[in-house]
Amino acid sequence: MKMLKENLNTMVTYASADTTNAEGFAAWTPSDAALLEQLAMTGTLGNSFYANAKDAAKKAVAILERADAQALAAAIVRGRNEGFMRAFPILGLVFLSKKDAFLFQDIFKKVILTGNDLVDFIEVAKAVRGFGRSLKTAIADWIQSKMTPCYAQKYRREIADAIRLSRFKGGDSIYAYILSAYPKVKGNSAEKLEKAYEEYPELAAHRDFVAAVEAGSLAEAERILASNNLDVNSLTAYYGKFDASLWEVVARRSPVMRFVKYLAKFLREGVLTHEMLRSKVNVQSLKKAKVFPFRLYTAYLAVEKEMSASGKWVSDYLADVLNEYATSYDWSVFADKRWVIAPDISGSMGARIGGSSVLTYATVSAMFVGFFMKGLNDVTVLPWDEKVRRYSVPRADSVMTHIKAIMDMVEGGTYMETAVNYMLRKNIDADYSVFLTDTEEYGSGWLAAWKHYHNRYPNAVAFVLRGDSYMTSPIPEYEAEKLNVYQIFGWNDSVIDYIKFVLEKRKRAVA
């Protein structure tokens, strides 16, 4: 009888489902607004474990074709700035240009943040729609407002292409320097270029640095780099000619984001020091530069390949910073609550995220486990695939230990209801539960189990963090609110801030 009741409950729960997921399980078609949110925040255009990139791209284009202009604009701005995605927001911006020229120009600079963004936008626009006055105006306005000597060095050729395409006529001499990336450009001259070098000493220093490196005068190149504001990102073409002294200056002059990216390289070149690492990589500098823990983890993996006696101190230091990052977060609104963190450890979670060669869905899921375990006192971790797996890592252990423990568990199928059924069987009364998953499910369904749990514990709240790229949803939007379910697309540090926002909002509503 119990099994019959459960089967009937599942049938009723999914009676309104209008589609199926990649494995044939009942699901719902999300609204266009929800799909835009998912696309913008998770970068759906790449391959995932189940979703084919070509099919996903076709579906994404269909969504963009019929999207409301205002909703599209809001989604792509948020995706580029909070989700830190590039591909979909840039593609969405091109489609927005066909729907609302004024709105397109209004948000252009909120989506196109770098020279690389501009190049990609131009390439996508060529493929999708071509160029009219509105696009050329937006590009020219971006060039006019964004141009700095740093940008001119870093994106010289890319911006030169954009200038020529948009027929931008800037009076500043800096544009002569940019256009000189091409030997023969009508209207440019040696006199104009010399004026740029006179007005912008850092551009002249860049020229002199390159000349010194090409001539093999590395001591002179070191002097120029150490005493001038050169963009080290623009010097990568010459890295193969650097000696240790130059590498040391590059390390000291590198912005925090680039420093983290090149940690393993600096270690190999023998220029990394304790003082340098502590001054560049600390919680305060990382937060200021918006360098997130996921990047620390990729740096950790790169450094681990250098696991000689000279390398272990670096990976140990990164692990310590991860711990401090977690414990220094303002967890006050999370405290005094009972939490369950339920990471999906099924085989599909081992798929790479986007074009990453390091990060998987499981990596990011594991990072959340480590952060919550380090930050909160009352947390129960329930890793699940076909069943809930025992998790015995002590709370006091490092974030890195938690990450490794979760990633070592990845295998099996995705039965999303498993953790909720376990909570029911064990009478786990959690105030808040966080389910980290790619939403590929078999079994009897997460929603059916959560309804049962919600009936027993009506104040319980669930956050379903989705890192997938599927065009279906395991939760119908019309039921989410009444069941206290918050479905979140995309995993990054802003997710914890969003959960914090929900907690504060709910706290105010009760007060």
Foldseek 3Di string as FASTA:
>chain_A
DVVVVLLVLLCVVLVPFDAAFLVRHGFHFADLLVLLLQCLQQVLCFDAPRDDNVVLVVVLVVSLQPDDLVSLLVSLLCSCPPSVDQDSSLLSLLSSCVVDLVSSLVCVCSRQPALVSLLVSQVSNVVPPDDDLSVLVSLLVCCVPVDDPARCLQNLQSNLVSCVVSVHDDPDLSVLSSVVVPVDDPPRDPVSVVVNCVVDVLSVLVVVLVVCLVVVVQVVNLVSLQPHLYNLNSCVVSVVSHALSSLLSSLQNHALLVNLVCVLVNLVRVNDDPVSCVVRDALVSCVVVVPFLVSLVVSLVSLVVVPDPSRPVVNVVSLVRLLVNLQVDPCPLVAPFAEEEEEEQAQSQQIARGPDPPDGLLQLSLLVVLSCLSHYDHYHYFYDAPATDDDDDHSPDTSVVSSVVSNVRRHHHHAPLRVLVVCVVVVPQGQEYEYRDQPDHDHSANVSSLVVVCVVHVNHAYEYEHNHSISTRSDHPVCQVNSNYHYHRHGGPCVVVVVVVVSVVVVVVVD
